[in-house]
Structures are given as C-alpha cells and as structure tokens.
Amino acid sequence: MDEELRSLTERLRNEAAGSAEYDRLVATEDADALASALTETGQPLWARELVAFRLGLAGDRRAFEALVLLLNHRDPQRCASAAYALARLGDPRTARAAAALATNELRVAYALHPIRLLVELRAPEAVPALITTLERRLRPHDPYRSVALACVQGLGALGDERARPVLSEALAHPALAEAAVHALALLPARKG
C-alpha cells in the first residue's frame, strides 16, 4: 500500500468512527463504486476525501473537482493529501487550478499546498503564479511568511531566469534572505 494512502486511511479511520461505510470504501476496488460515493448526497467529508484520493491515485479524472476543493481546504492534512493525489492524477487541468488557488489573494492562507504542487508539476503556469504570489508577500507586515518562503524555494527549484527580479527583492526581507540567496544560486548564470 502506498505510504500516503496508508497515512490517509489511518487518519480517516478516526474520523469515520467505526463506520461500515469506511470499511467498504477502503476495501472496494470498483472505481465506479468509488466515483458514485464521491457524488452521493449526504456523504461525510472523510468519505469524499477517501474516495477522491483513491481515484486520484488510480488516475481517474472523476476525482479532479473534489481534489481541487480539498486542495483549498482549511485543514492542512486534507490539502497535503489532495496535492499528493493531484500530482499523480495526470489531469491537464491541475496546474491551472493550482495556479488559480496559489494566486487567489482571498485564500492566501491556504496557498502553501497549491504552491508546492505547482513546483512538483513543473508546469508552465508555475513560475508566473509563484512570482505573482511572492510579489504580494513582499509587502510590509505581510503575515504569510510560510507562503512567501515556499515561493522563494519553489522558484529556486524551478530555476527560471524570470524569477531573478523578485528573488532579488526578497533578499531585503530577513525571513526570506537566506532562502533567496540559495534560490538565486540555482538560477542559470547570467550571460556576459
């Protein structure tokens, strides 16, 4: 069993509190039964998360919308699980959705996992989204330092020259300076 799936099923077992439905959803190998449970009315959040995660790992694109909703959830564990499944889903809409979530200023408190997902996907949307998000985080007294740090680290990992100006600006922020130095060192050397 995939380690992430094992961790998720343990966490959700507690939420399900001995539910027979939990046992059924964990045991079934029928993708149609899982997809049915995903859209069935009255399903608890743990059930939707479990089936979306399992469908995502299986590459079943019926899980896409549910996983994107979970990627933007207030619970970091749900976000992390959704990001993991989305990275393996193989849906071409994933990067665009992650970029939209990462740059949504009204939901910036939940942008950490979409940012990390964008870096993992290495999609064309990643660098522009991370630059936009980081520029906004460089304002005085911005409370989202973990989001800014994820952007700096991600831009370094992506190694795209377009990030140089915003990473240079991040050097002036003590909480980001060390990471910005490292990220800048990962960018291609400037020519002559």
N, C-alpha and C. Protein backbone atom coordinates (compact mmCIF):
# COMPACT_ATOMS: atom_id res chain seq x y z
N MET A 1 0.85 -1.19 0.00
CA MET A 1 0.00 0.00 0.00
C MET A 1 0.89 1.24 0.00
N ASP A 2 0.55 2.20 -0.82
CA ASP A 2 1.23 3.48 -0.87
C ASP A 2 1.27 4.10 0.53
N GLU A 3 2.42 4.63 0.93
CA GLU A 3 2.58 5.19 2.28
C GLU A 3 1.60 6.34 2.54
N GLU A 4 1.38 7.17 1.54
CA GLU A 4 0.43 8.28 1.70
C GLU A 4 -0.99 7.76 1.87
N LEU A 5 -1.33 6.71 1.14
CA LEU A 5 -2.67 6.13 1.27
C LEU A 5 -2.83 5.51 2.66
N ARG A 6 -1.80 4.84 3.14
CA ARG A 6 -1.85 4.25 4.47
C ARG A 6 -2.06 5.33 5.53
N SER A 7 -1.31 6.41 5.42
CA SER A 7 -1.43 7.52 6.38
C SER A 7 -2.83 8.13 6.32
N LEU A 8 -3.35 8.33 5.12
CA LEU A 8 -4.68 8.91 4.94
C LEU A 8 -5.75 7.98 5.54
N THR A 9 -5.66 6.69 5.26
CA THR A 9 -6.69 5.78 5.77
C THR A 9 -6.66 5.71 7.29
N GLU A 10 -5.48 5.80 7.88
CA GLU A 10 -5.40 5.81 9.35
C GLU A 10 -6.07 7.06 9.92
N ARG A 11 -5.77 8.20 9.31
CA ARG A 11 -6.35 9.47 9.78
C ARG A 11 -7.87 9.45 9.63
N LEU A 12 -8.34 8.99 8.48
CA LEU A 12 -9.78 9.00 8.22
C LEU A 12 -10.52 7.91 9.00
N ARG A 13 -9.84 6.84 9.37
CA ARG A 13 -10.47 5.81 10.20
C ARG A 13 -10.97 6.43 11.51
N ASN A 14 -10.17 7.32 12.07
CA ASN A 14 -10.58 8.01 13.31
C ASN A 14 -11.80 8.89 13.08
N GLU A 15 -11.81 9.60 11.95
CA GLU A 15 -12.96 10.46 11.64
C GLU A 15 -14.22 9.63 11.39
N ALA A 16 -14.06 8.47 10.77
CA ALA A 16 -15.20 7.62 10.43
C ALA A 16 -15.79 6.93 11.65
N ALA A 17 -15.03 6.84 12.72
CA ALA A 17 -15.50 6.28 14.00
C ALA A 17 -16.23 4.94 13.85
N GLY A 18 -15.55 3.99 13.20
CA GLY A 18 -16.11 2.65 13.12
C GLY A 18 -17.21 2.45 12.09
N SER A 19 -17.34 3.35 11.16
CA SER A 19 -18.38 3.27 10.14
C SER A 19 -18.16 2.08 9.20
N ALA A 20 -19.23 1.35 8.94
CA ALA A 20 -19.16 0.25 7.97
C ALA A 20 -18.89 0.81 6.57
N GLU A 21 -19.36 2.02 6.30
CA GLU A 21 -19.12 2.66 5.00
C GLU A 21 -17.62 2.88 4.80
N TYR A 22 -16.92 3.23 5.85
CA TYR A 22 -15.46 3.40 5.77
C TYR A 22 -14.82 2.09 5.30
N ASP A 23 -15.17 0.99 5.97
CA ASP A 23 -14.60 -0.31 5.62
C ASP A 23 -14.90 -0.66 4.16
N ARG A 24 -16.11 -0.37 3.73
CA ARG A 24 -16.49 -0.67 2.33
C ARG A 24 -15.67 0.16 1.34
N LEU A 25 -15.51 1.46 1.63
CA LEU A 25 -14.78 2.33 0.71
C LEU A 25 -13.29 2.03 0.68
N VAL A 26 -12.75 1.56 1.77
CA VAL A 26 -11.33 1.19 1.80
C VAL A 26 -11.11 -0.12 1.03
N ALA A 27 -12.05 -1.04 1.15
CA ALA A 27 -11.88 -2.38 0.58
C ALA A 27 -12.19 -2.47 -0.91
N THR A 28 -13.13 -1.67 -1.40
CA THR A 28 -13.57 -1.84 -2.79
C THR A 28 -12.47 -1.48 -3.79
N GLU A 29 -12.46 -2.24 -4.86
CA GLU A 29 -11.55 -1.95 -5.98
C GLU A 29 -12.35 -1.45 -7.18
N ASP A 30 -13.65 -1.26 -6.99
CA ASP A 30 -14.55 -0.85 -8.06
C ASP A 30 -14.53 0.68 -8.19
N ALA A 31 -13.89 1.17 -9.25
CA ALA A 31 -13.76 2.61 -9.46
C ALA A 31 -15.13 3.28 -9.61
N ASP A 32 -16.08 2.59 -10.22
CA ASP A 32 -17.41 3.18 -10.38
C ASP A 32 -18.11 3.33 -9.03
N ALA A 33 -17.90 2.39 -8.14
CA ALA A 33 -18.48 2.49 -6.79
C ALA A 33 -17.85 3.65 -6.04
N LEU A 34 -16.55 3.83 -6.21
CA LEU A 34 -15.88 4.96 -5.56
C LEU A 34 -16.40 6.29 -6.13
N ALA A 35 -16.50 6.37 -7.45
CA ALA A 35 -16.99 7.60 -8.09
C ALA A 35 -18.42 7.90 -7.66
N SER A 36 -19.21 6.87 -7.50
CA SER A 36 -20.59 7.03 -7.04
C SER A 36 -20.62 7.63 -5.64
N ALA A 37 -19.75 7.12 -4.78
CA ALA A 37 -19.69 7.63 -3.41
C ALA A 37 -19.22 9.08 -3.37
N LEU A 38 -18.44 9.45 -4.37
CA LEU A 38 -17.92 10.82 -4.44
C LEU A 38 -19.03 11.83 -4.66
N THR A 39 -20.05 11.46 -5.41
CA THR A 39 -21.10 12.41 -5.76
C THR A 39 -22.42 12.17 -5.02
N GLU A 40 -22.46 11.12 -4.24
CA GLU A 40 -23.67 10.79 -3.49
C GLU A 40 -23.98 11.86 -2.45
N THR A 41 -25.22 12.28 -2.36
CA THR A 41 -25.59 13.30 -1.38
C THR A 41 -25.48 12.75 0.04
N GLY A 42 -25.15 13.62 0.96
CA GLY A 42 -25.09 13.25 2.36
C GLY A 42 -23.82 12.56 2.78
N GLN A 43 -22.86 12.43 1.88
CA GLN A 43 -21.60 11.78 2.25
C GLN A 43 -20.79 12.70 3.17
N PRO A 44 -20.22 12.16 4.24
CA PRO A 44 -19.36 12.97 5.11
C PRO A 44 -18.06 13.33 4.39
N LEU A 45 -17.40 14.36 4.87
CA LEU A 45 -16.17 14.83 4.25
C LEU A 45 -15.11 13.74 4.20
N TRP A 46 -14.98 12.95 5.27
CA TRP A 46 -13.95 11.90 5.26
C TRP A 46 -14.17 10.92 4.12
N ALA A 47 -15.43 10.61 3.80
CA ALA A 47 -15.72 9.67 2.72
C ALA A 47 -15.36 10.28 1.36
N ARG A 48 -15.69 11.53 1.18
CA ARG A 48 -15.35 12.20 -0.09
C ARG A 48 -13.83 12.28 -0.27
N GLU A 49 -13.15 12.60 0.82
CA GLU A 49 -11.69 12.68 0.73
C GLU A 49 -11.09 11.31 0.40
N LEU A 50 -11.56 10.28 1.06
CA LEU A 50 -11.03 8.93 0.85
C LEU A 50 -11.22 8.50 -0.60
N VAL A 51 -12.43 8.64 -1.13
CA VAL A 51 -12.67 8.17 -2.50
C VAL A 51 -11.96 9.06 -3.53
N ALA A 52 -11.91 10.36 -3.30
CA ALA A 52 -11.21 11.25 -4.23
C ALA A 52 -9.72 10.90 -4.27
N PHE A 53 -9.15 10.65 -3.11
CA PHE A 53 -7.74 10.29 -3.03
C PHE A 53 -7.48 8.98 -3.78
N ARG A 54 -8.30 7.98 -3.50
CA ARG A 54 -8.10 6.68 -4.16
C ARG A 54 -8.28 6.79 -5.67
N LEU A 55 -9.29 7.52 -6.11
CA LEU A 55 -9.49 7.70 -7.55
C LEU A 55 -8.33 8.49 -8.16
N GLY A 56 -7.84 9.49 -7.45
CA GLY A 56 -6.71 10.27 -7.94
C GLY A 56 -5.47 9.42 -8.13
N LEU A 57 -5.17 8.58 -7.17
CA LEU A 57 -4.01 7.70 -7.29
C LEU A 57 -4.17 6.74 -8.46
N ALA A 58 -5.40 6.37 -8.75
CA ALA A 58 -5.67 5.45 -9.85
C ALA A 58 -5.71 6.16 -11.21
N GLY A 59 -5.57 7.48 -11.20
CA GLY A 59 -5.59 8.23 -12.45
C GLY A 59 -6.99 8.45 -13.01
N ASP A 60 -8.00 8.34 -12.17
CA ASP A 60 -9.39 8.50 -12.58
C ASP A 60 -9.77 9.98 -12.45
N ARG A 61 -9.97 10.61 -13.57
CA ARG A 61 -10.19 12.07 -13.58
C ARG A 61 -11.53 12.50 -12.99
N ARG A 62 -12.37 11.57 -12.64
CA ARG A 62 -13.62 11.93 -11.96
C ARG A 62 -13.33 12.52 -10.59
N ALA A 63 -12.14 12.34 -10.09
CA ALA A 63 -11.75 12.86 -8.77
C ALA A 63 -11.29 14.31 -8.82
N PHE A 64 -11.08 14.85 -9.99
CA PHE A 64 -10.44 16.16 -10.13
C PHE A 64 -11.11 17.27 -9.30
N GLU A 65 -12.40 17.49 -9.49
CA GLU A 65 -13.08 18.60 -8.82
C GLU A 65 -13.02 18.46 -7.30
N ALA A 66 -13.25 17.26 -6.80
CA ALA A 66 -13.20 17.04 -5.35
C ALA A 66 -11.80 17.28 -4.82
N LEU A 67 -10.79 16.84 -5.55
CA LEU A 67 -9.41 17.04 -5.08
C LEU A 67 -9.04 18.52 -5.09
N VAL A 68 -9.50 19.27 -6.08
CA VAL A 68 -9.21 20.71 -6.11
C VAL A 68 -9.88 21.41 -4.93
N LEU A 69 -11.10 21.02 -4.61
CA LEU A 69 -11.76 21.60 -3.43
C LEU A 69 -10.99 21.28 -2.15
N LEU A 70 -10.50 20.05 -2.04
CA LEU A 70 -9.73 19.66 -0.86
C LEU A 70 -8.36 20.35 -0.81
N LEU A 71 -7.80 20.66 -1.98
CA LEU A 71 -6.51 21.37 -2.04
C LEU A 71 -6.62 22.76 -1.41
N ASN A 72 -7.81 23.29 -1.36
CA ASN A 72 -8.05 24.63 -0.84
C ASN A 72 -8.79 24.58 0.50
N HIS A 73 -8.68 23.47 1.20
CA HIS A 73 -9.38 23.28 2.48
C HIS A 73 -8.59 23.94 3.61
N ARG A 74 -9.27 24.27 4.68
CA ARG A 74 -8.60 24.92 5.83
C ARG A 74 -7.74 23.94 6.63
N ASP A 75 -7.96 22.63 6.47
CA ASP A 75 -7.19 21.62 7.17
C ASP A 75 -5.95 21.26 6.34
N PRO A 76 -4.75 21.57 6.84
CA PRO A 76 -3.53 21.31 6.07
C PRO A 76 -3.34 19.85 5.67
N GLN A 77 -3.80 18.92 6.49
CA GLN A 77 -3.65 17.50 6.14
C GLN A 77 -4.49 17.15 4.91
N ARG A 78 -5.68 17.72 4.82
CA ARG A 78 -6.52 17.48 3.64
C ARG A 78 -5.87 18.10 2.40
N CYS A 79 -5.31 19.28 2.56
CA CYS A 79 -4.62 19.94 1.44
C CYS A 79 -3.45 19.11 0.95
N ALA A 80 -2.65 18.61 1.89
CA ALA A 80 -1.47 17.82 1.54
C ALA A 80 -1.88 16.53 0.82
N SER A 81 -2.91 15.88 1.30
CA SER A 81 -3.38 14.65 0.65
C SER A 81 -3.90 14.94 -0.75
N ALA A 82 -4.65 16.01 -0.89
CA ALA A 82 -5.18 16.38 -2.20
C ALA A 82 -4.05 16.71 -3.18
N ALA A 83 -3.04 17.44 -2.71
CA ALA A 83 -1.91 17.77 -3.58
C ALA A 83 -1.19 16.51 -4.04
N TYR A 84 -1.01 15.58 -3.13
CA TYR A 84 -0.35 14.31 -3.47
C TYR A 84 -1.14 13.59 -4.55
N ALA A 85 -2.44 13.47 -4.37
CA ALA A 85 -3.28 12.76 -5.35
C ALA A 85 -3.34 13.50 -6.68
N LEU A 86 -3.44 14.82 -6.63
CA LEU A 86 -3.50 15.61 -7.86
C LEU A 86 -2.20 15.48 -8.67
N ALA A 87 -1.08 15.40 -7.98
CA ALA A 87 0.20 15.26 -8.68
C ALA A 87 0.28 13.94 -9.44
N ARG A 88 -0.47 12.95 -8.98
CA ARG A 88 -0.46 11.63 -9.61
C ARG A 88 -1.64 11.40 -10.54
N LEU A 89 -2.60 12.29 -10.52
CA LEU A 89 -3.81 12.12 -11.31
C LEU A 89 -3.56 12.20 -12.81
N GLY A 90 -2.69 13.12 -13.21
CA GLY A 90 -2.41 13.27 -14.63
C GLY A 90 -3.45 14.05 -15.40
N ASP A 91 -4.21 14.89 -14.70
CA ASP A 91 -5.23 15.70 -15.37
C ASP A 91 -4.60 17.01 -15.84
N PRO A 92 -4.76 17.36 -17.12
CA PRO A 92 -4.13 18.58 -17.63
C PRO A 92 -4.67 19.87 -17.00
N ARG A 93 -5.79 19.80 -16.31
CA ARG A 93 -6.36 20.99 -15.66
C ARG A 93 -5.70 21.30 -14.32
N THR A 94 -4.91 20.38 -13.80
CA THR A 94 -4.38 20.50 -12.45
C THR A 94 -3.52 21.75 -12.25
N ALA A 95 -2.59 21.99 -13.14
CA ALA A 95 -1.68 23.13 -12.96
C ALA A 95 -2.45 24.45 -13.00
N ARG A 96 -3.40 24.57 -13.89
CA ARG A 96 -4.20 25.80 -13.99
C ARG A 96 -5.00 26.03 -12.71
N ALA A 97 -5.57 24.96 -12.17
CA ALA A 97 -6.33 25.07 -10.92
C ALA A 97 -5.42 25.43 -9.76
N ALA A 98 -4.26 24.79 -9.68
CA ALA A 98 -3.31 25.09 -8.60
C ALA A 98 -2.82 26.53 -8.69
N ALA A 99 -2.58 27.01 -9.90
CA ALA A 99 -2.13 28.39 -10.09
C ALA A 99 -3.22 29.37 -9.65
N ALA A 100 -4.47 29.06 -9.97
CA ALA A 100 -5.58 29.93 -9.55
C ALA A 100 -5.68 29.98 -8.03
N LEU A 101 -5.51 28.84 -7.37
CA LEU A 101 -5.57 28.81 -5.91
C LEU A 101 -4.37 29.52 -5.29
N ALA A 102 -3.20 29.34 -5.87
CA ALA A 102 -1.98 29.95 -5.32
C ALA A 102 -2.02 31.47 -5.41
N THR A 103 -2.69 31.99 -6.42
CA THR A 103 -2.70 33.44 -6.63
C THR A 103 -3.96 34.12 -6.12
N ASN A 104 -4.88 33.36 -5.54
CA ASN A 104 -6.13 33.92 -5.02
C ASN A 104 -5.84 34.62 -3.69
N GLU A 105 -5.82 35.92 -3.73
CA GLU A 105 -5.46 36.70 -2.55
C GLU A 105 -6.46 36.52 -1.40
N LEU A 106 -7.69 36.17 -1.71
CA LEU A 106 -8.68 35.96 -0.65
C LEU A 106 -8.45 34.64 0.09
N ARG A 107 -7.69 33.73 -0.52
CA ARG A 107 -7.43 32.42 0.08
C ARG A 107 -5.94 32.18 0.31
N VAL A 108 -5.17 33.25 0.42
CA VAL A 108 -3.72 33.12 0.53
C VAL A 108 -3.29 32.28 1.74
N ALA A 109 -4.07 32.26 2.78
CA ALA A 109 -3.72 31.47 3.95
C ALA A 109 -3.65 29.98 3.62
N TYR A 110 -4.28 29.57 2.53
CA TYR A 110 -4.31 28.16 2.13
C TYR A 110 -3.51 27.90 0.86
N ALA A 111 -2.60 28.80 0.51
CA ALA A 111 -1.86 28.71 -0.75
C ALA A 111 -0.63 27.80 -0.70
N LEU A 112 -0.21 27.40 0.47
CA LEU A 112 1.04 26.64 0.61
C LEU A 112 1.04 25.36 -0.24
N HIS A 113 0.02 24.56 -0.13
CA HIS A 113 -0.01 23.29 -0.87
C HIS A 113 -0.20 23.48 -2.37
N PRO A 114 -1.03 24.43 -2.82
CA PRO A 114 -1.05 24.68 -4.27
C PRO A 114 0.31 25.11 -4.82
N ILE A 115 1.04 25.91 -4.04
CA ILE A 115 2.38 26.34 -4.47
C ILE A 115 3.30 25.13 -4.59
N ARG A 116 3.31 24.30 -3.58
CA ARG A 116 4.17 23.10 -3.63
C ARG A 116 3.78 22.17 -4.77
N LEU A 117 2.49 22.07 -5.03
CA LEU A 117 2.02 21.24 -6.13
C LEU A 117 2.51 21.79 -7.47
N LEU A 118 2.44 23.10 -7.65
CA LEU A 118 2.92 23.72 -8.89
C LEU A 118 4.39 23.42 -9.11
N VAL A 119 5.18 23.48 -8.05
CA VAL A 119 6.61 23.20 -8.18
C VAL A 119 6.81 21.74 -8.57
N GLU A 120 6.08 20.85 -7.94
CA GLU A 120 6.21 19.43 -8.27
C GLU A 120 5.82 19.15 -9.72
N LEU A 121 4.77 19.81 -10.20
CA LEU A 121 4.31 19.59 -11.57
C LEU A 121 5.25 20.20 -12.61
N ARG A 122 5.97 21.25 -12.23
CA ARG A 122 6.88 21.96 -13.14
C ARG A 122 6.14 22.40 -14.42
N ALA A 123 4.91 22.81 -14.25
CA ALA A 123 4.06 23.21 -15.37
C ALA A 123 4.38 24.63 -15.80
N PRO A 124 4.00 25.01 -17.02
CA PRO A 124 4.24 26.38 -17.49
C PRO A 124 3.61 27.45 -16.58
N GLU A 125 2.52 27.11 -15.91
CA GLU A 125 1.84 28.07 -15.02
C GLU A 125 2.60 28.33 -13.73
N ALA A 126 3.54 27.47 -13.39
CA ALA A 126 4.18 27.52 -12.07
C ALA A 126 4.95 28.81 -11.82
N VAL A 127 5.87 29.16 -12.68
CA VAL A 127 6.73 30.32 -12.43
C VAL A 127 5.92 31.62 -12.37
N PRO A 128 5.05 31.91 -13.34
CA PRO A 128 4.26 33.15 -13.22
C PRO A 128 3.41 33.20 -11.95
N ALA A 129 2.81 32.07 -11.56
CA ALA A 129 1.98 32.06 -10.35
C ALA A 129 2.82 32.30 -9.10
N LEU A 130 3.98 31.67 -9.02
CA LEU A 130 4.84 31.85 -7.85
C LEU A 130 5.39 33.27 -7.78
N ILE A 131 5.74 33.83 -8.92
CA ILE A 131 6.22 35.22 -8.94
C ILE A 131 5.12 36.16 -8.45
N THR A 132 3.93 36.01 -8.96
CA THR A 132 2.80 36.86 -8.56
C THR A 132 2.55 36.75 -7.06
N THR A 133 2.51 35.53 -6.56
CA THR A 133 2.23 35.32 -5.14
C THR A 133 3.34 35.89 -4.28
N LEU A 134 4.58 35.69 -4.67
CA LEU A 134 5.71 36.21 -3.88
C LEU A 134 5.73 37.74 -3.90
N GLU A 135 5.47 38.35 -5.04
CA GLU A 135 5.44 39.82 -5.10
C GLU A 135 4.46 40.39 -4.08
N ARG A 136 3.32 39.76 -3.95
CA ARG A 136 2.31 40.22 -2.98
C ARG A 136 2.75 40.00 -1.54
N ARG A 137 3.57 39.00 -1.31
CA ARG A 137 4.01 38.69 0.05
C ARG A 137 5.16 39.59 0.51
N LEU A 138 5.72 40.35 -0.39
CA LEU A 138 6.86 41.21 -0.04
C LEU A 138 6.42 42.57 0.48
N ARG A 139 5.14 42.75 0.69
CA ARG A 139 4.63 43.99 1.28
C ARG A 139 4.99 44.03 2.77
N PRO A 140 5.13 45.22 3.32
CA PRO A 140 5.45 45.31 4.75
C PRO A 140 4.37 44.64 5.61
N HIS A 141 4.79 43.94 6.61
CA HIS A 141 3.92 43.31 7.63
C HIS A 141 3.01 42.23 7.06
N ASP A 142 3.40 41.60 5.97
CA ASP A 142 2.58 40.52 5.42
C ASP A 142 2.67 39.33 6.37
N PRO A 143 1.53 38.77 6.78
CA PRO A 143 1.55 37.68 7.78
C PRO A 143 1.80 36.29 7.20
N TYR A 144 1.96 36.17 5.89
CA TYR A 144 2.04 34.85 5.26
C TYR A 144 3.47 34.50 4.85
N ARG A 145 4.37 34.51 5.82
CA ARG A 145 5.78 34.23 5.55
C ARG A 145 6.01 32.81 5.05
N SER A 146 5.23 31.84 5.53
CA SER A 146 5.43 30.47 5.07
C SER A 146 5.08 30.34 3.58
N VAL A 147 4.10 31.10 3.14
CA VAL A 147 3.74 31.11 1.73
C VAL A 147 4.85 31.77 0.92
N ALA A 148 5.37 32.88 1.41
CA ALA A 148 6.48 33.56 0.73
C ALA A 148 7.70 32.66 0.64
N LEU A 149 8.01 31.98 1.73
CA LEU A 149 9.18 31.10 1.75
C LEU A 149 8.99 29.94 0.76
N ALA A 150 7.80 29.39 0.68
CA ALA A 150 7.53 28.31 -0.28
C ALA A 150 7.72 28.82 -1.71
N CYS A 151 7.32 30.05 -1.98
CA CYS A 151 7.51 30.64 -3.31
C CYS A 151 9.00 30.80 -3.62
N VAL A 152 9.75 31.32 -2.67
CA VAL A 152 11.19 31.51 -2.88
C VAL A 152 11.85 30.16 -3.17
N GLN A 153 11.58 29.19 -2.32
CA GLN A 153 12.18 27.86 -2.51
C GLN A 153 11.73 27.23 -3.82
N GLY A 154 10.46 27.38 -4.14
CA GLY A 154 9.94 26.82 -5.38
C GLY A 154 10.55 27.46 -6.61
N LEU A 155 10.70 28.77 -6.58
CA LEU A 155 11.30 29.45 -7.72
C LEU A 155 12.76 29.03 -7.90
N GLY A 156 13.46 28.80 -6.81
CA GLY A 156 14.82 28.28 -6.91
C GLY A 156 14.83 26.90 -7.54
N ALA A 157 13.94 26.04 -7.07
CA ALA A 157 13.87 24.67 -7.60
C ALA A 157 13.51 24.66 -9.08
N LEU A 158 12.67 25.59 -9.50
CA LEU A 158 12.26 25.65 -10.91
C LEU A 158 13.36 26.23 -11.80
N GLY A 159 14.25 27.06 -11.20
CA GLY A 159 15.42 27.56 -11.91
C GLY A 159 15.13 28.39 -13.15
N ASP A 160 14.12 29.20 -13.10
CA ASP A 160 13.72 30.01 -14.25
C ASP A 160 14.23 31.44 -14.07
N GLU A 161 14.90 31.94 -15.07
CA GLU A 161 15.51 33.28 -15.03
C GLU A 161 14.47 34.38 -14.75
N ARG A 162 13.22 34.18 -15.12
CA ARG A 162 12.19 35.20 -14.88
C ARG A 162 12.01 35.50 -13.40
N ALA A 163 12.47 34.60 -12.54
CA ALA A 163 12.30 34.79 -11.09
C ALA A 163 13.38 35.69 -10.49
N ARG A 164 14.43 36.00 -11.23
CA ARG A 164 15.55 36.76 -10.66
C ARG A 164 15.13 38.08 -10.01
N PRO A 165 14.32 38.92 -10.66
CA PRO A 165 13.97 40.21 -10.03
C PRO A 165 13.24 40.05 -8.69
N VAL A 166 12.25 39.18 -8.61
CA VAL A 166 11.50 39.04 -7.37
C VAL A 166 12.35 38.35 -6.29
N LEU A 167 13.20 37.43 -6.68
CA LEU A 167 14.10 36.80 -5.71
C LEU A 167 15.12 37.81 -5.18
N SER A 168 15.58 38.71 -6.05
CA SER A 168 16.50 39.77 -5.61
C SER A 168 15.81 40.70 -4.63
N GLU A 169 14.55 40.98 -4.89
CA GLU A 169 13.77 41.82 -3.97
C GLU A 169 13.57 41.12 -2.63
N ALA A 170 13.42 39.80 -2.65
CA ALA A 170 13.23 39.03 -1.41
C ALA A 170 14.46 39.07 -0.51
N LEU A 171 15.62 39.38 -1.06
CA LEU A 171 16.84 39.47 -0.26
C LEU A 171 16.72 40.52 0.85
N ALA A 172 15.90 41.53 0.64
CA ALA A 172 15.74 42.62 1.61
C ALA A 172 14.84 42.23 2.79
N HIS A 173 14.28 41.04 2.77
CA HIS A 173 13.37 40.58 3.82
C HIS A 173 14.10 39.54 4.67
N PRO A 174 14.42 39.87 5.93
CA PRO A 174 15.22 38.96 6.76
C PRO A 174 14.70 37.52 6.82
N ALA A 175 13.40 37.33 6.86
CA ALA A 175 12.85 35.97 6.95
C ALA A 175 13.04 35.17 5.66
N LEU A 176 13.33 35.87 4.57
CA LEU A 176 13.46 35.22 3.27
C LEU A 176 14.86 35.28 2.68
N ALA A 177 15.72 36.08 3.27
CA ALA A 177 17.02 36.37 2.66
C ALA A 177 17.86 35.12 2.40
N GLU A 178 17.99 34.26 3.39
CA GLU A 178 18.83 33.07 3.22
C GLU A 178 18.29 32.16 2.10
N ALA A 179 16.99 31.95 2.10
CA ALA A 179 16.38 31.12 1.06
C ALA A 179 16.52 31.79 -0.31
N ALA A 180 16.42 33.13 -0.35
CA ALA A 180 16.55 33.85 -1.62
C ALA A 180 17.96 33.73 -2.18
N VAL A 181 18.98 33.80 -1.31
CA VAL A 181 20.36 33.62 -1.75
C VAL A 181 20.52 32.24 -2.39
N HIS A 182 19.99 31.23 -1.72
CA HIS A 182 20.08 29.86 -2.24
C HIS A 182 19.33 29.74 -3.56
N ALA A 183 18.13 30.31 -3.63
CA ALA A 183 17.33 30.23 -4.86
C ALA A 183 18.02 30.93 -6.02
N LEU A 184 18.58 32.09 -5.76
CA LEU A 184 19.29 32.82 -6.81
C LEU A 184 20.49 32.02 -7.33
N ALA A 185 21.14 31.30 -6.44
CA ALA A 185 22.29 30.48 -6.84
C ALA A 185 21.87 29.33 -7.76
N LEU A 186 20.61 28.94 -7.70
CA LEU A 186 20.11 27.84 -8.53
C LEU A 186 19.68 28.29 -9.93
N LEU A 187 19.58 29.61 -10.13
CA LEU A 187 19.18 30.13 -11.43
C LEU A 187 20.36 30.02 -12.40
N PRO A 188 20.07 29.94 -13.69
CA PRO A 188 21.16 29.87 -14.67
C PRO A 188 22.03 31.11 -14.57
N ALA A 189 23.33 30.93 -14.78
CA ALA A 189 24.27 32.06 -14.72
C ALA A 189 23.92 33.06 -15.82
N ARG A 190 24.06 34.33 -15.47
CA ARG A 190 23.79 35.37 -16.46
C ARG A 190 24.89 35.38 -17.51
N LYS A 191 24.51 35.65 -18.74
CA LYS A 191 25.50 35.69 -19.83
C LYS A 191 26.11 37.09 -19.90
N GLY A 192 27.45 37.09 -20.05
CA GLY A 192 28.29 38.24 -20.26
C GLY A 192 27.76 39.49 -19.81
